[in-house]
Amino acid sequence: SWKKATHPKLDYAQVDERIKQELKHMGFLPHEGPIDAEYDGAFDDEVAARLRLLQDRLRSQMLINGARKARLTELVKERMAHQEYQTILEDLDSQVQAAYLKRTRTMGKSKKAKRPAGNSAAAAAAAAGMARPGIGDVTKMLMERRARWIGTIGSVFEDENLGKVPRVEKPGSSIFKPAEMAQLLKREKE
C-alpha cells in the first residue's frame, strides 16, 4: 500500500521566503539586494489617497443609510398596524354583509309564500301594512362588534394621511425631514 507523503508544517515567514526564492529564480525579482516590503511606511500614492477618501464617504453614507432605515422602520410599523386594522375591518364588513344578505334571502322567500292574491296595488298595500322582522341577534352582534372595533381601535388611525403616499400628495415632500434625520443620525453615530 502507498503511504501519503508528509509535508512539514511551514510558518508564514518560511513560505514567504520560499516564494521569494522561486520568483528570483524565474526572473520576476532581482537577484541582488534585500527585497523587504515596508508595510508600516505611510507612503500615499493616488490609489491609497482615493481609497481613503472613498472610505470616509462610505462611512458617512452608511450612517445616513442607517438613519434612513430607522425612519423607514418607524413608518413601516405604523403602516403595517394600519393595514392590519383595515384587514380586520374589511373582514367585519364582509361578515355583516353576509348576515344581511342571509336575512334578505330569508325575507324574500317568506314574502313569496305570504303574498295575497289580487292586483298589484292591493298586494303593495298589504305588504306596507306588514311589520318587517328584526335584523336578528347574529347580525346585531356583528354590527355592534364592528362599531366597537371602529370606536376603540379606529380612533388610533384617525390621521387621514396615514394611508397615503407622501410623494403622491406633494411632489417636493420627503419622509426624511431634516430635523428627524438629524436626531436619527445622532443616534446612529452613537
C-alpha atoms as a PDB file:
ATOM      1  CA  SER A   1       0.000   0.000   0.000  1.00  0.00           C
ATOM      2  CA  TRP A   2       1.075   3.548  -0.676  1.00  0.00           C
ATOM      3  CA  LYS A   3       1.876   5.961   2.093  1.00  0.00           C
ATOM      4  CA  LYS A   4       0.859   9.557   1.922  1.00  0.00           C
ATOM      5  CA  ALA A   5       3.755  11.942   1.663  1.00  0.00           C
ATOM      6  CA  THR A   6       4.084  14.041   4.771  1.00  0.00           C
ATOM      7  CA  HIS A   7       4.876  17.693   4.319  1.00  0.00           C
ATOM      8  CA  PRO A   8       6.489  19.671   7.086  1.00  0.00           C
ATOM      9  CA  LYS A   9       4.371  22.435   8.590  1.00  0.00           C
ATOM     10  CA  LEU A  10       5.715  25.794   7.463  1.00  0.00           C
ATOM     11  CA  ASP A  11       5.083  29.123   9.060  1.00  0.00           C
ATOM     12  CA  TYR A  12       4.325  32.235   7.034  1.00  0.00           C
ATOM     13  CA  ALA A  13       7.897  33.542   7.131  1.00  0.00           C
ATOM     14  CA  GLN A  14       9.245  30.310   5.628  1.00  0.00           C
ATOM     15  CA  VAL A  15       6.554  30.257   2.940  1.00  0.00           C
ATOM     16  CA  ASP A  16       7.259  33.905   2.120  1.00  0.00           C
ATOM     17  CA  GLU A  17      10.999  33.209   1.823  1.00  0.00           C
ATOM     18  CA  ARG A  18      10.449  30.208  -0.456  1.00  0.00           C
ATOM     19  CA  ILE A  19       8.145  32.221  -2.714  1.00  0.00           C
ATOM     20  CA  LYS A  20      10.767  34.992  -2.964  1.00  0.00           C
ATOM     21  CA  GLN A  21      13.433  32.442  -3.939  1.00  0.00           C
ATOM     22  CA  GLU A  22      11.180  30.967  -6.625  1.00  0.00           C
ATOM     23  CA  LEU A  23      10.356  34.411  -8.026  1.00  0.00           C
ATOM     24  CA  LYS A  24      14.071  35.325  -8.102  1.00  0.00           C
ATOM     25  CA  HIS A  25      14.844  32.058  -9.879  1.00  0.00           C
ATOM     26  CA  MET A  26      12.147  32.746 -12.514  1.00  0.00           C
ATOM     27  CA  GLY A  27      13.402  36.293 -13.016  1.00  0.00           C
ATOM     28  CA  PHE A  28      10.456  38.197 -11.616  1.00  0.00           C
ATOM     29  CA  LEU A  29      12.525  39.641  -8.763  1.00  0.00           C
ATOM     30  CA  PRO A  30      16.091  40.976  -8.988  1.00  0.00           C
ATOM     31  CA  HIS A  31      18.836  38.720  -7.582  1.00  0.00           C
ATOM     32  CA  GLU A  32      20.779  41.413  -5.734  1.00  0.00           C
ATOM     33  CA  GLY A  33      19.837  43.260  -2.562  1.00  0.00           C
ATOM     34  CA  PRO A  34      17.224  42.597   0.058  1.00  0.00           C
ATOM     35  CA  ILE A  35      13.620  42.938  -1.017  1.00  0.00           C
ATOM     36  CA  ASP A  36      11.645  43.654   2.093  1.00  0.00           C
ATOM     37  CA  ALA A  37       8.284  45.314   1.858  1.00  0.00           C
ATOM     38  CA  GLU A  38       7.700  48.286   4.112  1.00  0.00           C
ATOM     39  CA  TYR A  39       4.202  47.749   5.323  1.00  0.00           C
ATOM     40  CA  ASP A  40       4.487  50.371   8.044  1.00  0.00           C
ATOM     41  CA  GLY A  41       5.504  53.165   5.664  1.00  0.00           C
ATOM     42  CA  ALA A  42       2.996  55.962   5.303  1.00  0.00           C
ATOM     43  CA  PHE A  43       3.604  56.433   1.593  1.00  0.00           C
ATOM     44  CA  ASP A  44       0.487  57.799  -0.029  1.00  0.00           C
ATOM     45  CA  ASP A  45       0.031  57.171  -3.688  1.00  0.00           C
ATOM     46  CA  GLU A  46      -3.039  58.195  -5.710  1.00  0.00           C
ATOM     47  CA  VAL A  47      -4.822  54.896  -5.206  1.00  0.00           C
ATOM     48  CA  ALA A  48      -4.386  54.892  -1.414  1.00  0.00           C
ATOM     49  CA  ALA A  49      -5.493  58.529  -1.151  1.00  0.00           C
ATOM     50  CA  ARG A  50      -8.561  57.820  -3.275  1.00  0.00           C
ATOM     51  CA  LEU A  51      -9.374  54.715  -1.236  1.00  0.00           C
ATOM     52  CA  ARG A  52      -9.124  56.686   1.992  1.00  0.00           C
ATOM     53  CA  LEU A  53     -11.419  59.403   0.592  1.00  0.00           C
ATOM     54  CA  LEU A  54     -13.961  56.862  -0.612  1.00  0.00           C
ATOM     55  CA  GLN A  55     -13.858  55.013   2.720  1.00  0.00           C
ATOM     56  CA  ASP A  56     -14.730  58.259   4.507  1.00  0.00           C
ATOM     57  CA  ARG A  57     -17.614  58.808   2.101  1.00  0.00           C
ATOM     58  CA  LEU A  58     -18.723  55.224   2.606  1.00  0.00           C
ATOM     59  CA  ARG A  59     -18.722  55.635   6.395  1.00  0.00           C
ATOM     60  CA  SER A  60     -20.845  58.786   6.189  1.00  0.00           C
ATOM     61  CA  GLN A  61     -23.208  57.139   3.684  1.00  0.00           C
ATOM     62  CA  MET A  62     -23.526  54.121   5.979  1.00  0.00           C
ATOM     63  CA  LEU A  63     -24.591  56.458   8.799  1.00  0.00           C
ATOM     64  CA  ILE A  64     -27.145  58.133   6.532  1.00  0.00           C
ATOM     65  CA  ASN A  65     -28.453  54.763   5.352  1.00  0.00           C
ATOM     66  CA  GLY A  66     -28.749  53.537   8.950  1.00  0.00           C
ATOM     67  CA  ALA A  67     -30.724  56.660   9.897  1.00  0.00           C
ATOM     68  CA  ARG A  68     -32.975  56.265   6.865  1.00  0.00           C
ATOM     69  CA  LYS A  69     -33.514  52.612   7.703  1.00  0.00           C
ATOM     70  CA  ALA A  70     -34.564  53.595  11.240  1.00  0.00           C
ATOM     71  CA  ARG A  71     -37.009  56.172   9.830  1.00  0.00           C
ATOM     72  CA  LEU A  72     -38.446  53.677   7.358  1.00  0.00           C
ATOM     73  CA  THR A  73     -38.810  51.107  10.132  1.00  0.00           C
ATOM     74  CA  GLU A  74     -40.918  53.589  12.129  1.00  0.00           C
ATOM     75  CA  LEU A  75     -43.135  54.316   9.131  1.00  0.00           C
ATOM     76  CA  VAL A  76     -43.459  50.670   8.163  1.00  0.00           C
ATOM     77  CA  LYS A  77     -44.566  49.698  11.678  1.00  0.00           C
ATOM     78  CA  GLU A  78     -47.286  52.368  11.576  1.00  0.00           C
ATOM     79  CA  ARG A  79     -48.355  51.355   8.085  1.00  0.00           C
ATOM     80  CA  MET A  80     -48.444  47.656   8.942  1.00  0.00           C
ATOM     81  CA  ALA A  81     -50.580  48.356  12.010  1.00  0.00           C
ATOM     82  CA  HIS A  82     -52.969  50.413   9.859  1.00  0.00           C
ATOM     83  CA  GLN A  83     -53.048  47.661   7.252  1.00  0.00           C
ATOM     84  CA  GLU A  84     -53.876  45.053   9.895  1.00  0.00           C
ATOM     85  CA  TYR A  85     -56.657  47.312  11.211  1.00  0.00           C
ATOM     86  CA  GLN A  86     -58.047  47.674   7.668  1.00  0.00           C
ATOM     87  CA  THR A  87     -57.900  43.908   7.080  1.00  0.00           C
ATOM     88  CA  ILE A  88     -59.859  43.167  10.254  1.00  0.00           C
ATOM     89  CA  LEU A  89     -62.346  45.941   9.428  1.00  0.00           C
ATOM     90  CA  GLU A  90     -62.879  44.502   5.938  1.00  0.00           C
ATOM     91  CA  ASP A  91     -63.431  41.072   7.480  1.00  0.00           C
ATOM     92  CA  LEU A  92     -66.019  42.505   9.882  1.00  0.00           C
ATOM     93  CA  ASP A  93     -67.699  44.336   6.982  1.00  0.00           C
ATOM     94  CA  SER A  94     -67.920  41.126   4.968  1.00  0.00           C
ATOM     95  CA  GLN A  95     -69.405  39.282   7.981  1.00  0.00           C
ATOM     96  CA  VAL A  96     -72.064  41.994   8.418  1.00  0.00           C
ATOM     97  CA  GLN A  97     -72.795  41.963   4.696  1.00  0.00           C
ATOM     98  CA  ALA A  98     -73.093  38.158   4.649  1.00  0.00           C
ATOM     99  CA  ALA A  99     -75.506  38.259   7.596  1.00  0.00           C
ATOM    100  CA  TYR A 100     -77.557  40.971   5.876  1.00  0.00           C
ATOM    101  CA  LEU A 101     -77.665  39.006   2.616  1.00  0.00           C
ATOM    102  CA  LYS A 102     -78.761  35.908   4.529  1.00  0.00           C
ATOM    103  CA  ARG A 103     -81.532  37.933   6.167  1.00  0.00           C
ATOM    104  CA  THR A 104     -82.759  39.418   2.893  1.00  0.00           C
ATOM    105  CA  ARG A 105     -82.750  35.977   1.243  1.00  0.00           C
ATOM    106  CA  THR A 106     -84.930  34.508   4.004  1.00  0.00           C
ATOM    107  CA  MET A 107     -87.221  37.556   3.914  1.00  0.00           C
ATOM    108  CA  GLY A 108     -87.696  37.214   0.158  1.00  0.00           C
ATOM    109  CA  LYS A 109     -88.707  33.560   0.495  1.00  0.00           C
ATOM    110  CA  SER A 110     -91.252  34.268   3.215  1.00  0.00           C
ATOM    111  CA  LYS A 111     -92.814  37.163   1.272  1.00  0.00           C
ATOM    112  CA  LYS A 112     -93.426  34.976  -1.757  1.00  0.00           C
ATOM    113  CA  ALA A 113     -95.279  32.423   0.344  1.00  0.00           C
ATOM    114  CA  LYS A 114     -97.439  35.024   2.139  1.00  0.00           C
ATOM    115  CA  ARG A 115     -98.293  37.161  -0.905  1.00  0.00           C
ATOM    116  CA  PRO A 116    -102.069  37.692  -1.125  1.00  0.00           C
ATOM    117  CA  ALA A 117    -103.849  37.049  -4.407  1.00  0.00           C
ATOM    118  CA  GLY A 118    -105.208  40.004  -6.316  1.00  0.00           C
ATOM    119  CA  ASN A 119    -103.973  43.043  -8.147  1.00  0.00           C
ATOM    120  CA  SER A 120    -100.577  44.586  -7.513  1.00  0.00           C
ATOM    121  CA  ALA A 121    -101.933  47.686  -5.758  1.00  0.00           C
ATOM    122  CA  ALA A 122    -103.701  45.566  -3.176  1.00  0.00           C
ATOM    123  CA  ALA A 123    -100.553  43.470  -2.716  1.00  0.00           C
ATOM    124  CA  ALA A 124     -98.428  46.607  -2.177  1.00  0.00           C
ATOM    125  CA  ALA A 125    -100.901  47.959   0.377  1.00  0.00           C
ATOM    126  CA  ALA A 126    -100.935  44.652   2.211  1.00  0.00           C
ATOM    127  CA  ALA A 127     -97.122  44.467   2.227  1.00  0.00           C
ATOM    128  CA  ALA A 128     -96.840  48.020   3.557  1.00  0.00           C
ATOM    129  CA  GLY A 129     -99.085  47.123   6.447  1.00  0.00           C
ATOM    130  CA  MET A 130     -96.998  44.084   7.438  1.00  0.00           C
ATOM    131  CA  ALA A 131     -94.362  44.603  10.121  1.00  0.00           C
ATOM    132  CA  ARG A 132     -90.807  43.860   8.987  1.00  0.00           C
ATOM    133  CA  PRO A 133     -88.986  41.286  11.067  1.00  0.00           C
ATOM    134  CA  GLY A 134     -85.958  42.338  13.160  1.00  0.00           C
ATOM    135  CA  ILE A 135     -82.441  42.037  11.844  1.00  0.00           C
ATOM    136  CA  GLY A 136     -81.619  39.151  14.140  1.00  0.00           C
ATOM    137  CA  ASP A 137     -79.289  38.629  17.050  1.00  0.00           C
ATOM    138  CA  VAL A 138     -76.321  37.478  14.961  1.00  0.00           C
ATOM    139  CA  THR A 139     -76.467  40.484  12.639  1.00  0.00           C
ATOM    140  CA  LYS A 140     -76.936  42.841  15.590  1.00  0.00           C
ATOM    141  CA  MET A 141     -73.942  41.293  17.369  1.00  0.00           C
ATOM    142  CA  LEU A 142     -71.776  41.623  14.225  1.00  0.00           C
ATOM    143  CA  MET A 143     -72.785  45.263  13.751  1.00  0.00           C
ATOM    144  CA  GLU A 144     -72.025  46.032  17.412  1.00  0.00           C
ATOM    145  CA  ARG A 145     -68.651  44.281  17.128  1.00  0.00           C
ATOM    146  CA  ARG A 146     -67.824  46.358  14.033  1.00  0.00           C
ATOM    147  CA  ALA A 147     -68.901  49.582  15.778  1.00  0.00           C
ATOM    148  CA  ARG A 148     -66.775  48.693  18.841  1.00  0.00           C
ATOM    149  CA  TRP A 149     -63.774  47.942  16.585  1.00  0.00           C
ATOM    150  CA  ILE A 150     -64.081  51.298  14.827  1.00  0.00           C
ATOM    151  CA  GLY A 151     -64.692  53.149  18.106  1.00  0.00           C
ATOM    152  CA  THR A 152     -61.793  51.681  20.068  1.00  0.00           C
ATOM    153  CA  ILE A 153     -59.091  50.849  17.529  1.00  0.00           C
ATOM    154  CA  GLY A 154     -60.140  53.161  14.707  1.00  0.00           C
ATOM    155  CA  SER A 155     -59.544  56.266  16.822  1.00  0.00           C
ATOM    156  CA  VAL A 156     -55.803  55.477  16.751  1.00  0.00           C
ATOM    157  CA  PHE A 157     -55.799  55.723  12.951  1.00  0.00           C
ATOM    158  CA  GLU A 158     -57.733  58.984  12.515  1.00  0.00           C
ATOM    159  CA  ASP A 159     -54.871  60.604  10.570  1.00  0.00           C
ATOM    160  CA  GLU A 160     -56.161  60.747   7.005  1.00  0.00           C
ATOM    161  CA  ASN A 161     -52.614  60.866   5.591  1.00  0.00           C
ATOM    162  CA  LEU A 162     -51.696  57.513   7.126  1.00  0.00           C
ATOM    163  CA  GLY A 163     -52.836  55.507   4.143  1.00  0.00           C
ATOM    164  CA  LYS A 164     -51.438  57.902   1.535  1.00  0.00           C
ATOM    165  CA  VAL A 165     -48.007  58.011  -0.061  1.00  0.00           C
ATOM    166  CA  PRO A 166     -46.407  61.441   0.645  1.00  0.00           C
ATOM    167  CA  ARG A 167     -44.820  61.836  -2.798  1.00  0.00           C
ATOM    168  CA  VAL A 168     -48.187  61.459  -4.499  1.00  0.00           C
ATOM    169  CA  GLU A 169     -49.726  64.280  -2.471  1.00  0.00           C
ATOM    170  CA  LYS A 170     -46.830  66.765  -2.571  1.00  0.00           C
ATOM    171  CA  PRO A 171     -44.126  66.122  -5.182  1.00  0.00           C
ATOM    172  CA  GLY A 172     -41.444  68.055  -3.247  1.00  0.00           C
ATOM    173  CA  SER A 173     -42.131  66.352   0.070  1.00  0.00           C
ATOM    174  CA  SER A 174     -39.945  63.770   1.730  1.00  0.00           C
ATOM    175  CA  ILE A 175     -40.315  61.329   4.568  1.00  0.00           C
ATOM    176  CA  PHE A 176     -36.733  62.151   5.531  1.00  0.00           C
ATOM    177  CA  LYS A 177     -37.312  65.571   7.111  1.00  0.00           C
ATOM    178  CA  PRO A 178     -34.042  67.275   8.161  1.00  0.00           C
ATOM    179  CA  ALA A 179     -34.986  67.643  11.844  1.00  0.00           C
ATOM    180  CA  GLU A 180     -35.928  63.974  12.216  1.00  0.00           C
ATOM    181  CA  MET A 181     -32.910  62.834  10.215  1.00  0.00           C
ATOM    182  CA  ALA A 182     -30.553  64.875  12.425  1.00  0.00           C
ATOM    183  CA  GLN A 183     -31.832  63.041  15.509  1.00  0.00           C
ATOM    184  CA  LEU A 184     -31.609  59.669  13.782  1.00  0.00           C
ATOM    185  CA  LEU A 185     -28.061  60.400  12.543  1.00  0.00           C
ATOM    186  CA  LYS A 186     -27.046  61.348  16.073  1.00  0.00           C
ATOM    187  CA  ARG A 187     -28.461  58.058  17.359  1.00  0.00           C
ATOM    188  CA  GLU A 188     -26.735  56.155  14.549  1.00  0.00           C
ATOM    189  CA  LYS A 189     -23.321  57.677  15.385  1.00  0.00           C
ATOM    190  CA  GLU A 190     -23.663  56.538  18.978  1.00  0.00           C
END
